[in-house]
Amino acid sequence: MVTEIKYCPIGIIHSPFKDIEGMPIQSAAAAGIRGSVELFTEYEQGLQDIDGYSHIILIYHFHLSKNCDLLVKPFLDDKLRGVFATRAPKRPNPIGFSIVKLVSVDGNRLEIEDVDIIDQTPLLDIKPYVSSFDNRYETKDGWLTERQLEARTRISDDRFG
């Protein structure tokens, strides 16, 4: 059994959010918010052909998350929920993902929109968003069924700081 896995950042995500409080809680609620990805130069060649996609998936490290809570009170609820039934940042492995709009590519820099990520977040990977692969049409949204539209107007507070 593997007891440790190590990843190294491949770049840094830049955004207008310098503090956790006040950020959108999902990228769907961050429409039009601009940011950028600065890929480390040794990975620039891996961006070849990415400009053909309208959206990309950013996988990143929640670098401000210092511990793990298995029960959390998510932004959209007042009840404690299992961390794996939420997208809370305090997780056993503090990994996040966001689907963002790819605006442009210039060398090792990506201009993006719909950013819900704090400035200086370490980037672990980029994957293309492919609608025919990534959309699911018959889904269940668990406890969020009644609350998911609230994510478009709710902003973060310091509960996960």
N, C-alpha and C. Protein backbone atom coordinates (compact mmCIF):
# COMPACT_ATOMS: atom_id res chain seq x y z
N MET A 1 0.83 -1.18 0.00
CA MET A 1 0.00 0.00 0.00
C MET A 1 0.88 1.25 0.00
N VAL A 2 0.55 2.21 -0.83
CA VAL A 2 1.29 3.46 -0.90
C VAL A 2 0.94 4.30 0.32
N THR A 3 1.95 4.81 1.01
CA THR A 3 1.69 5.61 2.21
C THR A 3 1.91 7.10 1.97
N GLU A 4 2.60 7.45 0.89
CA GLU A 4 2.84 8.86 0.61
C GLU A 4 2.91 9.09 -0.89
N ILE A 5 2.30 10.16 -1.31
CA ILE A 5 2.34 10.58 -2.71
C ILE A 5 2.78 12.04 -2.72
N LYS A 6 3.71 12.38 -3.56
CA LYS A 6 4.19 13.76 -3.64
C LYS A 6 3.93 14.32 -5.03
N TYR A 7 3.42 15.53 -5.06
CA TYR A 7 3.23 16.26 -6.31
C TYR A 7 3.99 17.57 -6.21
N CYS A 8 4.47 18.03 -7.33
CA CYS A 8 5.13 19.33 -7.41
C CYS A 8 4.28 20.24 -8.27
N PRO A 9 4.12 21.50 -7.86
CA PRO A 9 3.35 22.44 -8.68
C PRO A 9 3.97 22.60 -10.06
N ILE A 10 3.11 22.83 -11.05
CA ILE A 10 3.57 23.10 -12.41
C ILE A 10 3.39 24.56 -12.77
N GLY A 11 2.82 25.32 -11.86
CA GLY A 11 2.61 26.74 -12.09
C GLY A 11 1.87 27.37 -10.93
N ILE A 12 1.50 28.63 -11.14
CA ILE A 12 0.81 29.42 -10.12
C ILE A 12 -0.44 30.04 -10.74
N ILE A 13 -1.54 30.02 -10.00
CA ILE A 13 -2.78 30.65 -10.44
C ILE A 13 -2.84 32.04 -9.82
N HIS A 14 -3.11 33.04 -10.66
CA HIS A 14 -3.25 34.42 -10.20
C HIS A 14 -4.71 34.83 -10.31
N SER A 15 -5.19 35.52 -9.29
CA SER A 15 -6.58 35.98 -9.29
C SER A 15 -6.66 37.30 -8.52
N PRO A 16 -7.81 37.97 -8.60
CA PRO A 16 -7.96 39.20 -7.83
C PRO A 16 -8.21 38.95 -6.34
N PHE A 17 -8.36 37.70 -5.92
CA PHE A 17 -8.72 37.38 -4.54
C PHE A 17 -7.48 37.18 -3.68
N LYS A 18 -7.23 38.14 -2.80
CA LYS A 18 -6.06 38.08 -1.92
C LYS A 18 -6.41 37.45 -0.58
N ASP A 19 -7.72 37.31 -0.31
CA ASP A 19 -8.20 36.76 0.96
C ASP A 19 -9.34 35.79 0.67
N ILE A 20 -9.51 34.81 1.51
CA ILE A 20 -10.56 33.81 1.33
C ILE A 20 -11.95 34.43 1.42
N GLU A 21 -12.13 35.34 2.38
CA GLU A 21 -13.44 35.94 2.57
C GLU A 21 -13.84 36.77 1.34
N GLY A 22 -15.08 36.56 0.89
CA GLY A 22 -15.60 37.33 -0.23
C GLY A 22 -15.42 36.71 -1.60
N MET A 23 -14.76 35.56 -1.68
CA MET A 23 -14.58 34.88 -2.97
C MET A 23 -15.86 34.16 -3.37
N PRO A 24 -16.09 33.99 -4.66
CA PRO A 24 -17.19 33.10 -5.08
C PRO A 24 -16.88 31.69 -4.59
N ILE A 25 -17.93 30.91 -4.32
CA ILE A 25 -17.69 29.57 -3.77
C ILE A 25 -17.63 28.50 -4.85
N GLN A 26 -17.95 28.85 -6.08
CA GLN A 26 -17.83 27.93 -7.22
C GLN A 26 -17.53 28.77 -8.47
N SER A 27 -16.89 28.17 -9.45
CA SER A 27 -16.57 28.93 -10.67
C SER A 27 -17.82 29.34 -11.43
N ALA A 28 -18.92 28.61 -11.28
CA ALA A 28 -20.18 29.00 -11.93
C ALA A 28 -20.68 30.33 -11.38
N ALA A 29 -20.24 30.70 -10.18
CA ALA A 29 -20.65 31.96 -9.56
C ALA A 29 -19.64 33.07 -9.81
N ALA A 30 -18.61 32.79 -10.57
CA ALA A 30 -17.53 33.75 -10.80
C ALA A 30 -17.52 34.25 -12.25
N ALA A 31 -18.67 34.30 -12.86
CA ALA A 31 -18.77 34.68 -14.28
C ALA A 31 -18.06 36.00 -14.55
N GLY A 32 -17.12 35.95 -15.47
CA GLY A 32 -16.42 37.15 -15.92
C GLY A 32 -15.24 37.57 -15.07
N ILE A 33 -15.02 36.93 -13.93
CA ILE A 33 -13.87 37.30 -13.09
C ILE A 33 -12.61 36.77 -13.74
N ARG A 34 -11.69 37.70 -14.03
CA ARG A 34 -10.48 37.36 -14.77
C ARG A 34 -9.35 36.94 -13.85
N GLY A 35 -8.50 36.10 -14.38
CA GLY A 35 -7.30 35.66 -13.69
C GLY A 35 -6.33 35.15 -14.73
N SER A 36 -5.26 34.55 -14.26
CA SER A 36 -4.29 33.97 -15.18
C SER A 36 -3.60 32.79 -14.54
N VAL A 37 -3.02 31.99 -15.39
CA VAL A 37 -2.21 30.86 -14.96
C VAL A 37 -0.82 31.09 -15.52
N GLU A 38 0.15 31.06 -14.64
CA GLU A 38 1.55 31.18 -15.05
C GLU A 38 2.18 29.80 -14.91
N LEU A 39 2.31 29.12 -16.04
CA LEU A 39 2.92 27.79 -16.04
C LEU A 39 4.43 27.95 -15.95
N PHE A 40 5.08 27.14 -15.17
CA PHE A 40 6.54 27.20 -15.12
C PHE A 40 7.08 26.85 -16.50
N THR A 41 8.13 27.53 -16.92
CA THR A 41 8.60 27.44 -18.30
C THR A 41 8.93 26.02 -18.74
N GLU A 42 9.37 25.17 -17.83
CA GLU A 42 9.71 23.80 -18.24
C GLU A 42 8.49 22.99 -18.67
N TYR A 43 7.28 23.51 -18.40
CA TYR A 43 6.05 22.82 -18.80
C TYR A 43 5.34 23.48 -19.97
N GLU A 44 5.89 24.57 -20.48
CA GLU A 44 5.23 25.35 -21.53
C GLU A 44 4.89 24.52 -22.76
N GLN A 45 5.75 23.62 -23.16
CA GLN A 45 5.51 22.81 -24.35
C GLN A 45 4.22 21.99 -24.22
N GLY A 46 3.85 21.66 -23.00
CA GLY A 46 2.62 20.90 -22.76
C GLY A 46 1.35 21.67 -23.07
N LEU A 47 1.47 22.97 -23.31
CA LEU A 47 0.30 23.79 -23.66
C LEU A 47 -0.03 23.73 -25.15
N GLN A 48 0.80 23.07 -25.93
CA GLN A 48 0.53 22.97 -27.36
C GLN A 48 -0.88 22.44 -27.59
N ASP A 49 -1.63 23.10 -28.43
CA ASP A 49 -2.99 22.74 -28.86
C ASP A 49 -4.08 23.08 -27.84
N ILE A 50 -3.72 23.61 -26.67
CA ILE A 50 -4.75 23.91 -25.67
C ILE A 50 -5.64 25.07 -26.11
N ASP A 51 -5.14 25.91 -27.01
CA ASP A 51 -5.92 27.07 -27.45
C ASP A 51 -7.15 26.68 -28.26
N GLY A 52 -7.30 25.43 -28.59
CA GLY A 52 -8.48 24.96 -29.31
C GLY A 52 -9.67 24.66 -28.39
N TYR A 53 -9.48 24.83 -27.09
CA TYR A 53 -10.55 24.54 -26.12
C TYR A 53 -11.12 25.85 -25.58
N SER A 54 -12.41 25.86 -25.32
CA SER A 54 -13.04 27.05 -24.74
C SER A 54 -12.89 27.05 -23.22
N HIS A 55 -12.81 25.88 -22.61
CA HIS A 55 -12.73 25.75 -21.16
C HIS A 55 -11.68 24.72 -20.77
N ILE A 56 -11.10 24.92 -19.61
CA ILE A 56 -10.12 23.97 -19.09
C ILE A 56 -10.44 23.69 -17.62
N ILE A 57 -9.93 22.56 -17.16
CA ILE A 57 -10.08 22.17 -15.76
C ILE A 57 -8.73 22.41 -15.08
N LEU A 58 -8.75 23.23 -14.05
CA LEU A 58 -7.54 23.47 -13.27
C LEU A 58 -7.61 22.62 -12.01
N ILE A 59 -6.57 21.87 -11.75
CA ILE A 59 -6.47 21.05 -10.55
C ILE A 59 -5.36 21.67 -9.70
N TYR A 60 -5.69 21.97 -8.45
CA TYR A 60 -4.75 22.76 -7.66
C TYR A 60 -4.74 22.32 -6.20
N HIS A 61 -3.76 22.85 -5.49
CA HIS A 61 -3.57 22.54 -4.07
C HIS A 61 -4.16 23.67 -3.23
N PHE A 62 -5.06 23.33 -2.31
CA PHE A 62 -5.60 24.31 -1.36
C PHE A 62 -4.50 24.64 -0.35
N HIS A 63 -3.57 25.51 -0.74
CA HIS A 63 -2.38 25.76 0.06
C HIS A 63 -2.65 26.47 1.39
N LEU A 64 -3.81 27.08 1.55
CA LEU A 64 -4.12 27.74 2.82
C LEU A 64 -4.88 26.83 3.78
N SER A 65 -5.22 25.64 3.33
CA SER A 65 -5.94 24.68 4.17
C SER A 65 -4.93 23.95 5.04
N LYS A 66 -5.04 24.13 6.34
CA LYS A 66 -4.01 23.62 7.25
C LYS A 66 -4.38 22.32 7.95
N ASN A 67 -5.64 21.95 7.93
CA ASN A 67 -6.02 20.70 8.58
C ASN A 67 -7.22 20.11 7.87
N CYS A 68 -7.66 18.97 8.35
CA CYS A 68 -8.76 18.24 7.72
C CYS A 68 -9.90 18.08 8.72
N ASP A 69 -11.09 18.32 8.24
CA ASP A 69 -12.28 18.05 9.03
C ASP A 69 -13.13 17.06 8.24
N LEU A 70 -13.48 15.93 8.85
CA LEU A 70 -14.31 14.94 8.15
C LEU A 70 -15.78 15.33 8.15
N LEU A 71 -16.18 16.18 9.09
CA LEU A 71 -17.52 16.76 9.09
C LEU A 71 -17.35 18.27 8.98
N VAL A 72 -18.03 18.87 8.01
CA VAL A 72 -17.91 20.30 7.77
C VAL A 72 -19.29 20.92 7.63
N LYS A 73 -19.36 22.20 7.89
CA LYS A 73 -20.58 22.96 7.65
C LYS A 73 -20.36 23.74 6.36
N PRO A 74 -20.87 23.25 5.23
CA PRO A 74 -20.59 23.89 3.94
C PRO A 74 -21.26 25.26 3.82
N PHE A 75 -20.80 26.06 2.88
CA PHE A 75 -21.33 27.40 2.67
C PHE A 75 -22.83 27.40 2.40
N LEU A 76 -23.33 26.35 1.79
CA LEU A 76 -24.73 26.33 1.38
C LEU A 76 -25.65 25.59 2.35
N ASP A 77 -25.17 25.34 3.58
CA ASP A 77 -25.99 24.61 4.53
C ASP A 77 -25.58 24.97 5.95
N ASP A 78 -26.47 24.73 6.89
CA ASP A 78 -26.17 24.96 8.29
C ASP A 78 -25.96 23.66 9.05
N LYS A 79 -26.07 22.53 8.34
CA LYS A 79 -25.87 21.22 8.95
C LYS A 79 -24.46 20.72 8.69
N LEU A 80 -23.96 19.91 9.60
CA LEU A 80 -22.69 19.24 9.36
C LEU A 80 -22.89 18.17 8.29
N ARG A 81 -21.96 18.12 7.35
CA ARG A 81 -21.99 17.14 6.26
C ARG A 81 -20.63 16.45 6.20
N GLY A 82 -20.63 15.23 5.68
CA GLY A 82 -19.36 14.55 5.44
C GLY A 82 -18.56 15.29 4.39
N VAL A 83 -17.28 15.47 4.63
CA VAL A 83 -16.44 16.26 3.72
C VAL A 83 -16.51 15.74 2.29
N PHE A 84 -16.68 14.44 2.11
CA PHE A 84 -16.72 13.88 0.76
C PHE A 84 -18.05 14.13 0.05
N ALA A 85 -19.02 14.66 0.77
CA ALA A 85 -20.30 15.06 0.18
C ALA A 85 -20.33 16.58 -0.04
N THR A 86 -19.15 17.22 0.07
CA THR A 86 -19.03 18.67 -0.12
C THR A 86 -17.81 18.97 -1.00
N ARG A 87 -17.64 20.23 -1.29
CA ARG A 87 -16.44 20.68 -1.99
C ARG A 87 -15.58 21.56 -1.08
N ALA A 88 -15.71 21.36 0.20
CA ALA A 88 -14.95 22.13 1.18
C ALA A 88 -13.45 21.93 1.00
N PRO A 89 -12.64 22.96 1.27
CA PRO A 89 -11.20 22.86 1.07
C PRO A 89 -10.45 22.08 2.15
N LYS A 90 -11.01 21.95 3.34
CA LYS A 90 -10.32 21.21 4.41
C LYS A 90 -10.62 19.73 4.23
N ARG A 91 -9.72 19.05 3.53
CA ARG A 91 -9.92 17.66 3.12
C ARG A 91 -8.68 16.84 3.49
N PRO A 92 -8.79 15.51 3.52
CA PRO A 92 -7.60 14.70 3.78
C PRO A 92 -6.47 15.00 2.79
N ASN A 93 -6.80 15.22 1.54
CA ASN A 93 -5.84 15.69 0.53
C ASN A 93 -6.43 16.98 -0.03
N PRO A 94 -5.87 18.13 0.32
CA PRO A 94 -6.47 19.41 -0.04
C PRO A 94 -6.30 19.76 -1.52
N ILE A 95 -7.05 19.05 -2.34
CA ILE A 95 -7.00 19.23 -3.80
C ILE A 95 -8.31 19.85 -4.25
N GLY A 96 -8.20 20.88 -5.08
CA GLY A 96 -9.38 21.52 -5.63
C GLY A 96 -9.37 21.47 -7.14
N PHE A 97 -10.52 21.74 -7.73
CA PHE A 97 -10.59 21.85 -9.18
C PHE A 97 -11.61 22.91 -9.54
N SER A 98 -11.38 23.55 -10.66
CA SER A 98 -12.30 24.55 -11.19
C SER A 98 -12.33 24.43 -12.71
N ILE A 99 -13.52 24.59 -13.26
CA ILE A 99 -13.67 24.68 -14.70
C ILE A 99 -13.72 26.15 -15.04
N VAL A 100 -12.74 26.62 -15.82
CA VAL A 100 -12.64 28.03 -16.15
C VAL A 100 -12.64 28.20 -17.67
N LYS A 101 -13.02 29.40 -18.09
CA LYS A 101 -13.00 29.73 -19.51
C LYS A 101 -11.58 30.11 -19.90
N LEU A 102 -11.09 29.54 -20.99
CA LEU A 102 -9.77 29.88 -21.51
C LEU A 102 -9.92 31.03 -22.48
N VAL A 103 -9.36 32.18 -22.13
CA VAL A 103 -9.49 33.40 -22.94
C VAL A 103 -8.37 33.47 -23.98
N SER A 104 -7.13 33.24 -23.54
CA SER A 104 -6.02 33.32 -24.47
C SER A 104 -4.80 32.60 -23.91
N VAL A 105 -3.88 32.30 -24.82
CA VAL A 105 -2.62 31.65 -24.46
C VAL A 105 -1.49 32.50 -25.03
N ASP A 106 -0.52 32.84 -24.20
CA ASP A 106 0.64 33.60 -24.64
C ASP A 106 1.87 33.00 -23.98
N GLY A 107 2.57 32.15 -24.73
CA GLY A 107 3.73 31.46 -24.17
C GLY A 107 3.30 30.55 -23.04
N ASN A 108 3.84 30.81 -21.85
CA ASN A 108 3.52 29.97 -20.69
C ASN A 108 2.41 30.58 -19.83
N ARG A 109 1.73 31.59 -20.36
CA ARG A 109 0.68 32.28 -19.59
C ARG A 109 -0.69 32.06 -20.24
N LEU A 110 -1.65 31.67 -19.40
CA LEU A 110 -3.03 31.49 -19.83
C LEU A 110 -3.87 32.58 -19.18
N GLU A 111 -4.65 33.29 -19.97
CA GLU A 111 -5.63 34.23 -19.43
C GLU A 111 -6.93 33.46 -19.30
N ILE A 112 -7.58 33.56 -18.14
CA ILE A 112 -8.77 32.77 -17.86
C ILE A 112 -9.87 33.66 -17.28
N GLU A 113 -11.10 33.14 -17.32
CA GLU A 113 -12.26 33.81 -16.71
C GLU A 113 -13.03 32.80 -15.87
N ASP A 114 -13.89 33.34 -15.02
CA ASP A 114 -14.74 32.55 -14.12
C ASP A 114 -13.91 31.95 -12.99
N VAL A 115 -13.03 32.78 -12.44
CA VAL A 115 -12.05 32.33 -11.45
C VAL A 115 -12.62 32.41 -10.04
N ASP A 116 -12.58 31.30 -9.34
CA ASP A 116 -13.01 31.21 -7.94
C ASP A 116 -11.87 30.70 -7.05
N ILE A 117 -10.66 31.11 -7.37
CA ILE A 117 -9.45 30.57 -6.74
C ILE A 117 -8.67 31.73 -6.14
N ILE A 118 -8.10 31.50 -4.97
CA ILE A 118 -7.33 32.55 -4.32
C ILE A 118 -5.99 32.76 -5.02
N ASP A 119 -5.53 33.99 -5.03
CA ASP A 119 -4.27 34.35 -5.68
C ASP A 119 -3.10 33.54 -5.11
N GLN A 120 -2.18 33.20 -5.97
CA GLN A 120 -0.95 32.46 -5.64
C GLN A 120 -1.19 30.99 -5.33
N THR A 121 -2.30 30.44 -5.79
CA THR A 121 -2.59 29.02 -5.57
C THR A 121 -1.69 28.15 -6.45
N PRO A 122 -1.03 27.16 -5.88
CA PRO A 122 -0.20 26.25 -6.67
C PRO A 122 -1.04 25.36 -7.60
N LEU A 123 -0.66 25.36 -8.86
CA LEU A 123 -1.34 24.55 -9.89
C LEU A 123 -0.68 23.18 -9.98
N LEU A 124 -1.51 22.13 -9.95
CA LEU A 124 -1.00 20.76 -10.06
C LEU A 124 -1.14 20.20 -11.46
N ASP A 125 -2.22 20.56 -12.17
CA ASP A 125 -2.46 20.00 -13.50
C ASP A 125 -3.50 20.82 -14.23
N ILE A 126 -3.53 20.67 -15.54
CA ILE A 126 -4.53 21.27 -16.43
C ILE A 126 -5.06 20.16 -17.30
N LYS A 127 -6.37 20.12 -17.45
CA LYS A 127 -6.99 19.16 -18.36
C LYS A 127 -8.00 19.92 -19.22
N PRO A 128 -8.17 19.50 -20.46
CA PRO A 128 -9.19 20.16 -21.28
C PRO A 128 -10.58 19.75 -20.83
N TYR A 129 -11.51 20.69 -20.83
CA TYR A 129 -12.90 20.38 -20.58
C TYR A 129 -13.50 19.96 -21.92
N VAL A 130 -14.07 18.77 -21.98
CA VAL A 130 -14.66 18.23 -23.20
C VAL A 130 -16.11 17.91 -22.89
N SER A 131 -17.03 18.66 -23.47
CA SER A 131 -18.44 18.53 -23.08
C SER A 131 -18.97 17.12 -23.26
N SER A 132 -18.60 16.44 -24.32
CA SER A 132 -19.13 15.09 -24.53
C SER A 132 -18.55 14.07 -23.55
N PHE A 133 -17.42 14.39 -22.93
CA PHE A 133 -16.84 13.51 -21.90
C PHE A 133 -17.31 13.90 -20.51
N ASP A 134 -17.44 15.19 -20.26
CA ASP A 134 -17.60 15.69 -18.90
C ASP A 134 -19.03 15.98 -18.48
N ASN A 135 -19.94 16.15 -19.41
CA ASN A 135 -21.34 16.38 -19.05
C ASN A 135 -22.02 15.06 -18.73
N ARG A 136 -22.82 15.07 -17.70
CA ARG A 136 -23.66 13.93 -17.35
C ARG A 136 -25.08 14.47 -17.27
N TYR A 137 -26.02 13.79 -17.89
CA TYR A 137 -27.36 14.33 -18.01
C TYR A 137 -28.35 13.77 -17.01
N GLU A 138 -28.13 12.57 -16.54
CA GLU A 138 -29.01 11.98 -15.53
C GLU A 138 -28.22 11.88 -14.23
N THR A 139 -28.31 12.94 -13.43
CA THR A 139 -27.52 12.99 -12.21
C THR A 139 -28.41 13.25 -11.01
N LYS A 140 -27.87 12.98 -9.83
CA LYS A 140 -28.51 13.34 -8.56
C LYS A 140 -27.55 14.26 -7.84
N ASP A 141 -28.07 15.29 -7.22
CA ASP A 141 -27.22 16.30 -6.59
C ASP A 141 -27.27 16.26 -5.07
N GLY A 142 -27.65 15.12 -4.50
CA GLY A 142 -27.60 14.92 -3.05
C GLY A 142 -28.27 16.03 -2.27
N TRP A 143 -27.67 16.39 -1.14
CA TRP A 143 -28.25 17.41 -0.28
C TRP A 143 -28.28 18.78 -0.96
N LEU A 144 -27.52 18.96 -2.03
CA LEU A 144 -27.48 20.26 -2.73
C LEU A 144 -28.64 20.48 -3.69
N THR A 145 -29.47 19.48 -3.89
CA THR A 145 -30.58 19.59 -4.84
C THR A 145 -31.37 20.88 -4.64
N GLU A 146 -31.72 21.19 -3.42
CA GLU A 146 -32.54 22.37 -3.14
C GLU A 146 -31.73 23.65 -3.03
N ARG A 147 -30.40 23.58 -2.95
CA ARG A 147 -29.60 24.76 -2.61
C ARG A 147 -28.60 25.17 -3.68
N GLN A 148 -28.47 24.38 -4.75
CA GLN A 148 -27.37 24.63 -5.67
C GLN A 148 -27.43 25.98 -6.37
N LEU A 149 -28.61 26.52 -6.62
CA LEU A 149 -28.69 27.83 -7.26
C LEU A 149 -28.15 28.95 -6.37
N GLU A 150 -28.16 28.73 -5.07
CA GLU A 150 -27.61 29.72 -4.14
C GLU A 150 -26.11 29.91 -4.34
N ALA A 151 -25.43 28.94 -4.92
CA ALA A 151 -23.99 29.04 -5.13
C ALA A 151 -23.63 30.20 -6.05
N ARG A 152 -24.56 30.64 -6.87
CA ARG A 152 -24.28 31.75 -7.79
C ARG A 152 -24.26 33.10 -7.10
N THR A 153 -24.79 33.17 -5.88
CA THR A 153 -24.80 34.45 -5.17
C THR A 153 -24.07 34.41 -3.84
N ARG A 154 -23.77 33.24 -3.34
CA ARG A 154 -23.09 33.10 -2.04
C ARG A 154 -21.60 33.33 -2.21
N ILE A 155 -20.99 34.02 -1.27
CA ILE A 155 -19.54 34.19 -1.28
C ILE A 155 -18.98 33.52 -0.03
N SER A 156 -17.67 33.30 -0.05
CA SER A 156 -17.05 32.59 1.06
C SER A 156 -16.87 33.51 2.27
N ASP A 157 -16.82 32.86 3.42
CA ASP A 157 -16.49 33.56 4.65
C ASP A 157 -15.22 32.90 5.20
N ASP A 158 -14.94 33.07 6.45
CA ASP A 158 -13.68 32.55 6.99
C ASP A 158 -13.80 31.15 7.60
N ARG A 159 -14.91 30.45 7.38
CA ARG A 159 -15.08 29.16 8.05
C ARG A 159 -14.03 28.11 7.65
N PHE A 160 -13.40 28.25 6.51
CA PHE A 160 -12.38 27.29 6.11
C PHE A 160 -10.98 27.91 6.12
N GLY A 161 -10.85 29.08 6.70
CA GLY A 161 -9.57 29.79 6.74
C GLY A 161 -8.61 29.22 7.76
